[in-house]
Amino acid sequence: METISTALLLLLAVVVSGSLGRIIPFALPLPLVQIALGAAIASVATLRVELSPEIFFLLFLPPLLFLDGWRIPKEGLLRDKGTILELALGLVVFTVIGVGFLIHWMIPAMPLAVAFALAAIVSPTDPIAVSAIAARVPIPKRLMHILEGESLLNDASGLVCMRFAVAAALTGTFSLTDAVGTFVWVAVGGIAIGVSVTWSVTTVKNWLSRQFGEETGSQILISLLIPFAAYLLAEHLHCSGILAAVAAGMMMSYAEQTGQALAVTRVRRSAVWDTVQFAANGIIFVLLGEQLPQIVAGAALVVRETGHHDPVWLVFYVIAINLSLALLRLVWVWTSLRFTLFRQARQGETAVVPGWRLIVATSLAGVRGTITLAGILTLPLVMNDGSPFPARDLAIFLAAGVIIVSLVAASIGLPFLLHNLELPPEPSHQEEEDRVRIAASQAAIKAVERAQHDMGKGKSDTDLYADAGARIMELYRRRIDGRSKTGEEGKLVRKIEEIERLLRLAGLRAEREEVYRNARSHQLTDELTQKLVREVDLMEARFAANT
């Protein structure tokens, strides 16, 4: 009963944090609001949340990584794959080595393997926190896609590196040859398992849906279970469950392109996954705030073992680690940019050299978040001989401090760096959009003609089918005419479409209000009210998608 009450209280805190984030007059990242709320809860109540590392990892990481892989723009990954791999793989190794040795030098009481584990877990970045910070300032879409791709891949590389460091701390031995071989096995195996699980599940699911029909609730539940299945199977086979979850998500996006799911399934499933993401991210940060006093107390005790009796050294350690992370990232980004420009020059391409503010913003955008916190809490509680894991509380505190300081630094620095920034021109996809819309409209007209002919065949009121088909086909012909025009005439047509869209939205909102008015006056049943409102909501979602 106590566990259920605690879970409900954490979910309530996440809901309250969302409201507080909108009420606060100045722009404060939602994770910081959630951490502060968790600390406030800890000051008035003791939740005593104690999750084992394995359970914590299983509960939070598979769905979050799966969703990242599912929703990330694949064309952005392919276009900037070189830059993303340099940041997601090269920068992680660079960070683990540089920050790991720095931490061990500052805190000799922390074993080198544990220092490397801490450095590995603070290497992954969190694009969700960056997008929340940069919501009110212009940020280049391409930069955001690079940050998203980097985060997706460095989550896996950072957590895998942490896994090797923890194994070295537990066993006291480390072999580079064995590590490389094991890394290849766990990486390739994890990716293969993730792809196979998603492909197998979606293939069977689609076959059953074609044979016996589709049930929306089951389809949504299947999508929720896929990341856990991929993760558990990979871990059982001693592969990377992290990479399996990421690969399963990426495969899910390709499997969905078959378009076999019902429209209502996709709408409802998207809403469910948005809720899962919001709740999981929120609970992690609220838990951080709730356990922060205990983490600080445990870290202060470890600091005394290092010979420093003043807990202020904790602040010094956190700031030093953040500065080293920022400096290493800045050096890597600048060096990577030089190599990219050099390659483009060798290939005869015209390169756009970004300004120093964009380079610094890319470095500062390396905000740590959910994955760092979830990963650090999975450090083992005890060694193989039963003794406490060395400096565990201190490592957790330092990781938590890195998250908070990086969020604060980015929330202050990014708006300044991105304000009135002259951005490189973004490629326009208007022609591609027009071409696809024209082709889709032409296909729709042919389908309506066939359906009209089949439905009216052999019936006395064929004129009714012809009139209804003509009305529908006229809408598609208008769309084809509008999208076929270019230049000023095309801009005028698109402006008319935008005005028409706004008018449709106004009409739909009036429809919904009228339905509710009739419901309030008891002129409609609840069932009919829900049906009518649902129809209006789906139409409004369609027309509001471009806002």
Protein backbone atom coordinates (compact mmCIF):
# COMPACT_ATOMS: atom_id res chain seq x y z
CA MET A 1 0.00 0.00 0.00
CA GLU A 2 2.83 2.37 0.85
CA THR A 3 4.48 1.72 -2.53
CA ILE A 4 1.27 2.52 -4.38
CA SER A 5 0.77 5.72 -2.37
CA THR A 6 4.34 6.80 -3.13
CA ALA A 7 3.88 6.16 -6.86
CA LEU A 8 0.66 8.18 -6.89
CA LEU A 9 2.33 11.01 -4.98
CA LEU A 10 5.19 11.11 -7.50
CA LEU A 11 2.74 11.26 -10.40
CA LEU A 12 0.84 14.06 -8.67
CA ALA A 13 4.13 15.95 -8.23
CA VAL A 14 4.81 15.61 -11.96
CA VAL A 15 1.37 17.07 -12.73
CA VAL A 16 1.94 19.97 -10.32
CA SER A 17 5.39 20.63 -11.80
CA GLY A 18 3.85 21.04 -15.26
CA SER A 19 1.48 23.70 -13.92
CA LEU A 20 4.25 25.45 -11.98
CA GLY A 21 6.42 25.55 -15.10
CA ARG A 22 3.71 27.60 -16.85
CA ILE A 23 2.92 29.80 -13.87
CA ILE A 24 6.50 30.91 -13.14
CA PRO A 25 6.94 34.27 -14.91
CA PHE A 26 10.54 33.66 -16.01
CA ALA A 27 11.64 30.80 -18.25
CA LEU A 28 12.79 27.98 -15.96
CA PRO A 29 13.47 24.53 -17.42
CA LEU A 30 10.89 21.98 -16.33
CA PRO A 31 13.52 19.56 -14.94
CA LEU A 32 14.71 22.24 -12.50
CA VAL A 33 11.12 22.83 -11.39
CA GLN A 34 10.68 19.11 -10.81
CA ILE A 35 13.93 18.82 -8.84
CA ALA A 36 12.92 21.75 -6.63
CA LEU A 37 9.48 20.24 -6.10
CA GLY A 38 11.03 16.91 -5.11
CA ALA A 39 13.28 18.67 -2.61
CA ALA A 40 10.23 20.48 -1.18
CA ILE A 41 8.45 17.14 -0.77
CA ALA A 42 11.48 15.71 1.03
CA SER A 43 11.39 18.62 3.50
CA VAL A 44 7.85 17.80 4.63
CA ALA A 45 7.58 14.05 4.02
CA THR A 46 9.82 11.00 3.94
CA LEU A 47 8.97 8.78 1.01
CA ARG A 48 11.85 6.33 1.55
CA VAL A 49 11.98 5.41 -2.14
CA GLU A 50 14.53 2.64 -2.51
CA LEU A 51 14.70 1.09 -5.97
CA SER A 52 17.32 -1.49 -6.79
CA PRO A 53 19.56 -0.41 -9.70
CA GLU A 54 18.30 -3.20 -11.97
CA ILE A 55 14.63 -2.32 -11.39
CA PHE A 56 15.26 1.40 -11.85
CA PHE A 57 17.08 0.77 -15.14
CA LEU A 58 14.34 -1.54 -16.42
CA LEU A 59 11.47 0.78 -15.48
CA PHE A 60 12.70 3.99 -17.05
CA LEU A 61 15.38 3.51 -19.71
CA PRO A 62 13.79 1.09 -22.26
CA PRO A 63 10.65 3.16 -22.97
CA LEU A 64 12.53 6.50 -23.06
CA LEU A 65 15.26 5.23 -25.40
CA PHE A 66 12.70 3.38 -27.54
CA LEU A 67 10.64 6.54 -28.00
CA ASP A 68 13.74 8.60 -28.85
CA GLY A 69 14.68 6.10 -31.55
CA TRP A 70 11.10 5.97 -32.83
CA ARG A 71 10.56 9.71 -33.20
CA ILE A 72 13.96 11.09 -34.18
CA PRO A 73 14.06 12.40 -37.80
CA LYS A 74 15.91 9.72 -39.76
CA GLU A 75 16.77 12.04 -42.65
CA GLY A 76 18.63 14.30 -40.20
CA LEU A 77 20.57 11.32 -38.89
CA LEU A 78 21.61 10.27 -42.38
CA ARG A 79 22.43 13.79 -43.57
CA ASP A 80 24.68 14.64 -40.60
CA LYS A 81 25.76 11.10 -39.73
CA GLY A 82 29.44 12.04 -39.72
CA THR A 83 29.02 14.90 -37.26
CA ILE A 84 26.63 12.90 -35.08
CA LEU A 85 28.97 9.90 -34.88
CA GLU A 86 31.89 12.15 -34.02
CA LEU A 87 29.92 13.63 -31.13
CA ALA A 88 28.19 10.44 -30.00
CA LEU A 89 31.19 8.12 -30.09
CA GLY A 90 34.41 10.10 -30.29
CA LEU A 91 33.35 12.77 -27.82
CA VAL A 92 32.13 10.15 -25.33
CA VAL A 93 35.51 8.36 -25.29
CA PHE A 94 37.28 11.74 -25.14
CA THR A 95 35.09 12.75 -22.21
CA VAL A 96 35.47 9.47 -20.32
CA ILE A 97 39.25 9.62 -20.49
CA GLY A 98 39.65 13.34 -19.77
CA VAL A 99 37.01 13.75 -17.06
CA GLY A 100 37.76 10.33 -15.55
CA PHE A 101 41.40 11.19 -14.86
CA LEU A 102 40.38 14.65 -13.60
CA ILE A 103 37.91 13.20 -11.09
CA HIS A 104 40.44 10.64 -9.83
CA TRP A 105 43.07 13.40 -9.49
CA MET A 106 40.70 15.64 -7.53
CA ILE A 107 39.30 12.82 -5.39
CA PRO A 108 41.96 10.13 -4.86
CA ALA A 109 39.59 8.24 -2.54
CA MET A 110 37.42 7.49 -5.60
CA PRO A 111 38.95 4.51 -7.48
CA LEU A 112 39.90 5.17 -11.09
CA ALA A 113 37.35 2.67 -12.38
CA VAL A 114 34.56 4.42 -10.45
CA ALA A 115 35.80 7.79 -11.75
CA PHE A 116 35.61 6.45 -15.30
CA ALA A 117 32.10 5.13 -14.61
CA LEU A 118 31.03 8.59 -13.39
CA ALA A 119 32.66 10.26 -16.42
CA ALA A 120 30.88 7.82 -18.74
CA ILE A 121 27.46 8.47 -17.24
CA VAL A 122 27.80 12.28 -17.38
CA SER A 123 28.76 12.12 -21.07
CA PRO A 124 25.23 11.56 -22.53
CA THR A 125 23.27 14.74 -23.32
CA ASP A 126 19.54 15.44 -23.06
CA PRO A 127 17.89 17.21 -26.05
CA ILE A 128 14.53 17.41 -24.25
CA ALA A 129 16.00 19.78 -21.70
CA VAL A 130 17.66 21.81 -24.47
CA SER A 131 14.41 22.13 -26.44
CA ALA A 132 12.63 23.27 -23.27
CA ILE A 133 15.28 25.92 -22.66
CA ALA A 134 15.37 27.08 -26.28
CA ALA A 135 11.58 27.09 -26.72
CA ARG A 136 11.45 30.89 -26.77
CA VAL A 137 14.59 31.59 -28.77
CA PRO A 138 15.46 30.67 -32.38
CA ILE A 139 17.49 27.49 -32.63
CA PRO A 140 18.50 26.06 -36.01
CA LYS A 141 16.52 22.94 -36.89
CA ARG A 142 19.65 21.28 -38.18
CA LEU A 143 21.46 21.93 -34.89
CA MET A 144 18.51 20.49 -33.00
CA HIS A 145 18.53 17.38 -35.19
CA ILE A 146 22.27 16.95 -34.55
CA LEU A 147 21.72 17.29 -30.79
CA GLU A 148 18.87 14.76 -30.94
CA GLY A 149 20.93 12.29 -32.96
CA GLU A 150 23.93 12.75 -30.68
CA SER A 151 21.78 12.18 -27.61
CA LEU A 152 20.21 9.06 -29.06
CA LEU A 153 23.56 7.43 -29.80
CA ASN A 154 25.64 8.77 -26.90
CA ASP A 155 23.03 7.45 -24.47
CA ALA A 156 23.98 3.99 -25.64
CA SER A 157 27.74 4.56 -25.91
CA GLY A 158 27.95 6.32 -22.54
CA LEU A 159 25.96 3.67 -20.71
CA VAL A 160 27.92 0.86 -22.33
CA CYS A 161 31.19 2.53 -21.30
CA MET A 162 29.82 2.84 -17.76
CA ARG A 163 29.01 -0.85 -17.80
CA PHE A 164 32.64 -1.73 -18.57
CA ALA A 165 33.94 0.69 -15.93
CA VAL A 166 31.65 -0.80 -13.26
CA ALA A 167 32.74 -4.31 -14.25
CA ALA A 168 36.37 -3.22 -13.84
CA ALA A 169 35.57 -1.75 -10.41
CA LEU A 170 33.88 -4.99 -9.30
CA THR A 171 36.55 -7.37 -10.60
CA GLY A 172 39.62 -5.18 -10.28
CA THR A 173 40.81 -6.09 -13.78
CA PHE A 174 40.45 -4.52 -17.23
CA SER A 175 41.62 -5.76 -20.61
CA LEU A 176 41.41 -3.41 -23.58
CA THR A 177 41.34 -6.32 -26.03
CA ASP A 178 38.55 -8.07 -24.16
CA ALA A 179 36.69 -4.77 -23.79
CA VAL A 180 36.81 -4.06 -27.54
CA GLY A 181 35.69 -7.57 -28.40
CA THR A 182 32.93 -7.49 -25.82
CA PHE A 183 31.85 -4.04 -26.98
CA VAL A 184 31.47 -5.27 -30.55
CA TRP A 185 29.45 -8.27 -29.37
CA VAL A 186 27.13 -6.35 -27.06
CA ALA A 187 26.68 -3.56 -29.63
CA VAL A 188 26.02 -5.69 -32.71
CA GLY A 189 23.98 -8.19 -30.72
CA GLY A 190 21.90 -5.49 -29.06
CA ILE A 191 21.11 -3.78 -32.36
CA ALA A 192 20.25 -7.08 -34.06
CA ILE A 193 17.96 -8.13 -31.21
CA GLY A 194 16.17 -4.76 -31.14
CA VAL A 195 15.53 -4.85 -34.89
CA SER A 196 14.44 -8.50 -34.80
CA VAL A 197 12.02 -8.05 -31.91
CA THR A 198 10.25 -5.08 -33.51
CA TRP A 199 10.13 -6.70 -36.95
CA SER A 200 8.80 -9.99 -35.58
CA VAL A 201 6.18 -8.40 -33.33
CA THR A 202 4.89 -5.95 -35.97
CA THR A 203 4.79 -8.66 -38.66
CA VAL A 204 2.67 -10.97 -36.49
CA LYS A 205 0.54 -8.06 -35.27
CA ASN A 206 -0.19 -6.85 -38.80
CA TRP A 207 -1.10 -10.36 -39.96
CA LEU A 208 -3.52 -10.82 -37.07
CA SER A 209 -5.05 -7.40 -37.73
CA ARG A 210 -5.62 -8.25 -41.41
CA GLN A 211 -7.18 -11.59 -40.55
CA PHE A 212 -9.30 -10.72 -37.51
CA GLY A 213 -9.45 -6.92 -37.34
CA GLU A 214 -7.61 -4.40 -35.22
CA GLU A 215 -8.29 -3.57 -31.57
CA THR A 216 -6.83 -0.19 -30.64
CA GLY A 217 -6.15 -0.93 -26.98
CA SER A 218 -4.18 -4.07 -27.81
CA GLN A 219 -2.12 -2.25 -30.44
CA ILE A 220 -1.14 0.46 -27.95
CA LEU A 221 -0.25 -2.09 -25.29
CA ILE A 222 1.92 -4.01 -27.76
CA SER A 223 3.88 -0.83 -28.55
CA LEU A 224 4.45 -0.30 -24.83
CA LEU A 225 5.73 -3.86 -24.35
CA ILE A 226 8.15 -3.94 -27.32
CA PRO A 227 10.98 -1.92 -25.67
CA PHE A 228 10.87 -4.09 -22.53
CA ALA A 229 10.90 -7.28 -24.61
CA ALA A 230 13.91 -6.10 -26.62
CA TYR A 231 15.75 -4.93 -23.51
CA LEU A 232 15.14 -8.10 -21.46
CA LEU A 233 16.00 -10.46 -24.33
CA ALA A 234 19.25 -8.59 -25.06
CA GLU A 235 20.26 -8.58 -21.39
CA HIS A 236 19.45 -12.29 -21.12
CA LEU A 237 21.81 -12.96 -24.05
CA HIS A 238 24.48 -10.68 -22.48
CA CYS A 239 24.09 -8.03 -25.17
CA SER A 240 23.31 -4.34 -24.75
CA GLY A 241 19.70 -3.86 -23.71
CA ILE A 242 20.23 -0.13 -24.18
CA LEU A 243 21.14 -0.46 -27.84
CA ALA A 244 18.37 -3.04 -28.28
CA ALA A 245 15.78 -0.50 -27.05
CA VAL A 246 17.17 2.21 -29.34
CA ALA A 247 17.29 -0.10 -32.36
CA ALA A 248 13.76 -1.35 -31.63
CA GLY A 249 12.51 2.24 -31.65
CA MET A 250 14.23 3.08 -34.92
CA MET A 251 12.87 -0.09 -36.51
CA MET A 252 9.41 0.83 -35.24
CA SER A 253 9.44 4.03 -37.28
CA TYR A 254 10.19 2.04 -40.45
CA ALA A 255 7.62 -0.64 -39.61
CA GLU A 256 4.98 2.06 -39.17
CA GLN A 257 5.56 3.30 -42.71
CA THR A 258 3.48 0.37 -43.97
CA GLY A 259 0.49 2.37 -42.72
CA GLN A 260 -1.42 -0.75 -41.64
CA ALA A 261 -2.52 0.65 -38.27
CA LEU A 262 -5.87 2.41 -38.05
CA ALA A 263 -5.83 6.20 -37.86
CA VAL A 264 -7.53 6.16 -34.46
CA THR A 265 -4.84 3.77 -33.20
CA ARG A 266 -2.08 6.13 -34.24
CA VAL A 267 -3.81 9.14 -32.67
CA ARG A 268 -4.44 7.41 -29.35
CA ARG A 269 -1.05 5.70 -29.26
CA SER A 270 0.75 8.99 -29.79
CA ALA A 271 -1.15 10.50 -26.86
CA VAL A 272 -0.31 7.51 -24.64
CA TRP A 273 3.39 7.69 -25.47
CA ASP A 274 3.47 11.46 -24.86
CA THR A 275 2.05 10.75 -21.40
CA VAL A 276 4.58 7.97 -20.74
CA GLN A 277 7.46 10.23 -21.74
CA PHE A 278 6.23 13.14 -19.62
CA ALA A 279 5.58 10.92 -16.59
CA ALA A 280 8.85 8.95 -16.78
CA ASN A 281 11.04 12.03 -17.25
CA GLY A 282 9.16 13.88 -14.52
CA ILE A 283 9.31 11.07 -11.95
CA ILE A 284 13.07 10.73 -12.41
CA PHE A 285 13.70 14.41 -11.70
CA VAL A 286 11.23 14.53 -8.80
CA LEU A 287 13.00 11.51 -7.31
CA LEU A 288 16.32 13.32 -7.69
CA GLY A 289 14.98 16.29 -5.74
CA GLU A 290 13.40 14.03 -3.10
CA GLN A 291 16.66 12.16 -2.51
CA LEU A 292 18.93 15.21 -2.82
CA PRO A 293 19.22 15.86 0.97
CA GLN A 294 20.18 12.23 1.56
CA ILE A 295 22.61 12.31 -1.38
CA VAL A 296 24.28 15.48 -0.06
CA ALA A 297 24.66 13.96 3.42
CA GLY A 298 26.24 10.80 2.04
CA ALA A 299 28.54 12.76 -0.27
CA ALA A 300 29.67 15.04 2.59
CA LEU A 301 30.68 11.96 4.56
CA VAL A 302 32.79 10.70 1.65
CA VAL A 303 34.40 14.13 1.23
CA ARG A 304 35.73 13.94 4.78
CA GLU A 305 37.47 10.71 3.81
CA THR A 306 39.35 12.64 1.11
CA GLY A 307 40.93 14.90 3.75
CA HIS A 308 38.61 17.88 3.16
CA HIS A 309 36.41 18.57 6.17
CA ASP A 310 34.40 21.38 4.59
CA PRO A 311 31.43 20.20 2.46
CA VAL A 312 31.95 23.27 0.24
CA TRP A 313 34.43 21.09 -1.63
CA LEU A 314 31.40 19.31 -3.08
CA VAL A 315 30.46 22.51 -4.91
CA PHE A 316 34.05 22.86 -6.12
CA TYR A 317 34.02 19.31 -7.51
CA VAL A 318 30.72 19.86 -9.36
CA ILE A 319 31.86 23.15 -10.90
CA ALA A 320 35.22 21.66 -11.91
CA ILE A 321 33.54 18.68 -13.61
CA ASN A 322 31.08 20.95 -15.45
CA LEU A 323 33.87 23.25 -16.64
CA SER A 324 35.90 20.29 -17.87
CA LEU A 325 32.86 18.86 -19.68
CA ALA A 326 32.16 22.19 -21.37
CA LEU A 327 35.81 22.74 -22.30
CA LEU A 328 36.27 19.25 -23.72
CA ARG A 329 33.04 19.59 -25.68
CA LEU A 330 34.07 23.00 -27.04
CA VAL A 331 37.45 21.65 -28.14
CA TRP A 332 35.84 18.63 -29.78
CA VAL A 333 33.14 20.67 -31.55
CA TRP A 334 35.68 23.18 -32.87
CA THR A 335 38.06 20.42 -34.03
CA SER A 336 35.21 18.47 -35.62
CA LEU A 337 34.08 21.61 -37.45
CA ARG A 338 37.59 22.20 -38.81
CA PHE A 339 37.72 18.65 -40.19
CA THR A 340 34.24 18.99 -41.70
CA LEU A 341 35.17 22.25 -43.46
CA PHE A 342 38.40 20.69 -44.66
CA ARG A 343 36.58 17.70 -46.16
CA GLN A 344 34.05 19.95 -47.88
CA ALA A 345 36.84 22.08 -49.34
CA ARG A 346 38.62 18.96 -50.64
CA GLN A 347 35.37 17.87 -52.32
CA GLY A 348 34.86 21.27 -53.91
CA GLU A 349 31.74 22.07 -51.88
CA THR A 350 30.87 25.57 -50.71
CA ALA A 351 30.88 25.51 -46.92
CA VAL A 352 28.99 27.91 -44.65
CA VAL A 353 31.24 28.73 -41.69
CA PRO A 354 29.12 29.14 -38.53
CA GLY A 355 29.87 32.04 -36.20
CA TRP A 356 31.50 31.66 -32.82
CA ARG A 357 28.18 32.08 -31.00
CA LEU A 358 26.70 29.05 -32.77
CA ILE A 359 29.79 26.97 -31.92
CA VAL A 360 29.65 27.98 -28.26
CA ALA A 361 25.89 27.36 -28.22
CA THR A 362 26.47 23.85 -29.57
CA SER A 363 28.95 23.26 -26.75
CA LEU A 364 26.70 24.75 -24.08
CA ALA A 365 23.74 22.72 -25.33
CA GLY A 366 25.38 19.59 -23.93
CA VAL A 367 22.87 19.51 -21.06
CA ARG A 368 22.74 16.40 -18.90
CA GLY A 369 19.40 15.00 -17.88
CA THR A 370 17.28 11.89 -17.54
CA ILE A 371 19.72 9.27 -18.84
CA THR A 372 22.55 10.54 -16.63
CA LEU A 373 20.38 10.36 -13.54
CA ALA A 374 18.88 6.98 -14.40
CA GLY A 375 22.31 5.57 -15.18
CA ILE A 376 24.08 6.80 -12.05
CA LEU A 377 21.38 5.36 -9.82
CA THR A 378 22.15 1.92 -11.28
CA LEU A 379 25.60 1.80 -9.69
CA PRO A 380 25.84 -1.41 -7.62
CA LEU A 381 25.15 -1.16 -3.90
CA VAL A 382 27.88 -3.62 -2.93
CA MET A 383 31.06 -5.15 -4.35
CA ASN A 384 31.43 -8.83 -5.17
CA ASP A 385 32.80 -9.49 -1.66
CA GLY A 386 29.79 -7.82 -0.02
CA SER A 387 31.53 -4.57 0.93
CA PRO A 388 29.87 -1.23 0.03
CA PHE A 389 30.54 0.05 -3.49
CA PRO A 390 33.26 2.72 -3.11
CA ALA A 391 32.16 6.39 -3.21
CA ARG A 392 28.69 5.51 -4.55
CA ASP A 393 26.93 8.35 -2.71
CA LEU A 394 29.57 10.84 -3.85
CA ALA A 395 29.27 9.69 -7.48
CA ILE A 396 25.48 10.09 -7.34
CA PHE A 397 25.81 13.57 -5.85
CA LEU A 398 28.35 14.67 -8.45
CA ALA A 399 26.15 13.40 -11.29
CA ALA A 400 23.13 15.18 -9.81
CA GLY A 401 25.18 18.36 -9.43
CA VAL A 402 26.33 18.15 -13.05
CA ILE A 403 22.70 17.85 -14.20
CA ILE A 404 21.56 20.88 -12.16
CA VAL A 405 24.52 23.13 -13.04
CA SER A 406 24.37 22.25 -16.76
CA LEU A 407 20.64 23.04 -16.81
CA VAL A 408 21.18 26.38 -15.07
CA ALA A 409 24.13 27.30 -17.29
CA ALA A 410 22.24 26.45 -20.47
CA SER A 411 19.07 28.24 -19.36
CA ILE A 412 21.12 31.41 -18.82
CA GLY A 413 23.62 31.10 -21.67
CA LEU A 414 21.60 29.71 -24.58
CA PRO A 415 19.03 32.53 -24.77
CA PHE A 416 21.90 35.04 -24.77
CA LEU A 417 23.86 33.19 -27.46
CA LEU A 418 20.85 32.49 -29.69
CA HIS A 419 19.17 35.90 -29.37
CA ASN A 420 19.14 37.70 -32.75
CA LEU A 421 21.52 35.08 -34.09
CA GLU A 422 21.91 35.10 -37.87
CA LEU A 423 21.23 31.48 -38.71
CA PRO A 424 22.44 29.64 -41.81
CA PRO A 425 19.55 29.24 -44.29
CA GLU A 426 17.52 26.12 -43.72
CA PRO A 427 16.81 23.98 -46.80
CA SER A 428 13.24 24.39 -48.05
CA HIS A 429 11.16 21.28 -48.55
CA GLN A 430 8.21 23.13 -50.10
CA GLU A 431 8.67 21.53 -53.53
CA GLU A 432 8.79 18.04 -52.01
CA GLU A 433 5.67 18.76 -49.96
CA ASP A 434 3.79 20.10 -53.00
CA ARG A 435 4.82 17.13 -55.13
CA VAL A 436 3.68 14.59 -52.53
CA ARG A 437 0.39 16.42 -51.87
CA ILE A 438 -0.38 16.52 -55.61
CA ALA A 439 0.39 12.81 -55.99
CA ALA A 440 -1.71 11.97 -52.92
CA SER A 441 -4.61 14.04 -54.24
CA GLN A 442 -4.45 12.36 -57.64
CA ALA A 443 -4.47 8.95 -55.97
CA ALA A 444 -7.45 10.04 -53.87
CA ILE A 445 -9.42 11.16 -56.94
CA LYS A 446 -8.85 7.78 -58.61
CA ALA A 447 -9.90 5.97 -55.46
CA VAL A 448 -13.07 8.07 -55.13
CA GLU A 449 -13.96 7.40 -58.77
CA ARG A 450 -13.55 3.65 -58.28
CA ALA A 451 -15.50 3.66 -55.02
CA GLN A 452 -18.26 5.81 -56.52
CA HIS A 453 -18.60 3.42 -59.47
CA ASP A 454 -18.65 0.31 -57.24
CA MET A 455 -21.09 1.75 -54.71
CA GLY A 456 -23.56 3.05 -57.33
CA LYS A 457 -23.40 0.03 -59.62
CA GLY A 458 -26.81 -1.54 -60.11
CA LYS A 459 -28.65 1.00 -57.97
CA SER A 460 -31.46 3.32 -59.03
CA ASP A 461 -30.06 6.42 -57.30
CA THR A 462 -26.71 6.48 -59.11
CA ASP A 463 -27.00 10.26 -59.51
CA LEU A 464 -26.61 10.68 -55.75
CA TYR A 465 -23.30 8.77 -55.80
CA ALA A 466 -22.11 10.81 -58.78
CA ASP A 467 -22.95 14.12 -57.04
CA ALA A 468 -21.27 13.07 -53.78
CA GLY A 469 -18.17 11.87 -55.65
CA ALA A 470 -17.96 15.09 -57.67
CA ARG A 471 -18.07 17.20 -54.51
CA ILE A 472 -15.22 15.22 -52.91
CA MET A 473 -13.11 15.15 -56.08
CA GLU A 474 -13.52 18.91 -56.45
CA LEU A 475 -11.75 19.41 -53.13
CA TYR A 476 -8.78 17.35 -54.34
CA ARG A 477 -8.68 19.16 -57.71
CA ARG A 478 -8.54 22.50 -55.90
CA ARG A 479 -5.60 21.21 -53.88
CA ILE A 480 -3.80 20.05 -57.04
CA ASP A 481 -4.36 23.43 -58.73
CA GLY A 482 -3.10 25.30 -55.70
CA ARG A 483 0.02 23.16 -55.23
CA SER A 484 0.86 23.27 -58.95
CA LYS A 485 1.23 27.05 -58.95
CA THR A 486 4.60 28.69 -58.27
CA GLY A 487 5.94 32.18 -57.67
CA GLU A 488 3.64 34.94 -56.45
CA GLU A 489 0.54 33.07 -57.56
CA GLY A 490 1.61 30.05 -55.50
CA LYS A 491 2.22 32.24 -52.44
CA LEU A 492 -1.24 33.76 -52.86
CA VAL A 493 -2.84 30.31 -53.04
CA ARG A 494 -0.99 29.16 -49.91
CA LYS A 495 -2.08 32.33 -48.10
CA ILE A 496 -5.68 31.59 -49.01
CA GLU A 497 -5.19 28.02 -47.73
CA GLU A 498 -3.88 29.40 -44.44
CA ILE A 499 -6.86 31.73 -44.10
CA GLU A 500 -9.19 28.84 -44.89
CA ARG A 501 -7.43 26.70 -42.27
CA LEU A 502 -7.90 29.38 -39.60
CA LEU A 503 -11.56 29.76 -40.53
CA ARG A 504 -12.05 26.00 -40.33
CA LEU A 505 -10.47 25.99 -36.87
CA ALA A 506 -12.79 28.77 -35.74
CA GLY A 507 -15.78 26.83 -37.07
CA LEU A 508 -14.68 23.56 -35.44
CA ARG A 509 -14.22 25.23 -32.06
CA ALA A 510 -17.67 26.76 -32.36
CA GLU A 511 -19.06 23.31 -33.23
CA ARG A 512 -17.52 21.80 -30.11
CA GLU A 513 -18.80 24.60 -27.88
CA GLU A 514 -22.31 24.14 -29.27
CA VAL A 515 -22.13 20.39 -28.59
CA TYR A 516 -21.06 21.07 -25.01
CA ARG A 517 -23.82 23.68 -24.62
CA ASN A 518 -26.41 21.12 -25.64
CA ALA A 519 -24.82 18.57 -23.31
CA ARG A 520 -24.93 21.01 -20.39
CA SER A 521 -28.63 21.60 -21.06
CA HIS A 522 -29.17 17.78 -21.06
CA GLN A 523 -30.24 17.71 -24.73
CA LEU A 524 -27.52 15.15 -25.61
CA THR A 525 -26.55 11.86 -23.99
CA ASP A 526 -22.99 11.46 -22.69
CA GLU A 527 -22.26 8.82 -25.32
CA LEU A 528 -23.38 11.03 -28.20
CA THR A 529 -21.53 14.01 -26.73
CA GLN A 530 -18.27 12.06 -26.58
CA LYS A 531 -18.75 10.84 -30.16
CA LEU A 532 -19.39 14.32 -31.59
CA VAL A 533 -16.58 15.92 -29.63
CA ARG A 534 -14.20 13.17 -30.74
CA GLU A 535 -15.04 13.83 -34.39
CA VAL A 536 -14.43 17.56 -33.97
CA ASP A 537 -11.19 16.93 -32.06
CA LEU A 538 -9.80 14.74 -34.83
CA MET A 539 -10.66 17.35 -37.47
CA GLU A 540 -9.14 20.12 -35.36
CA ALA A 541 -5.98 18.07 -34.82
CA ARG A 542 -5.66 17.78 -38.58
CA PHE A 543 -6.02 21.49 -39.26
CA ALA A 544 -4.03 22.60 -36.18
CA ALA A 545 -1.03 20.44 -37.10
CA ASN A 546 0.60 23.29 -39.03
CA THR A 547 0.36 25.89 -36.26
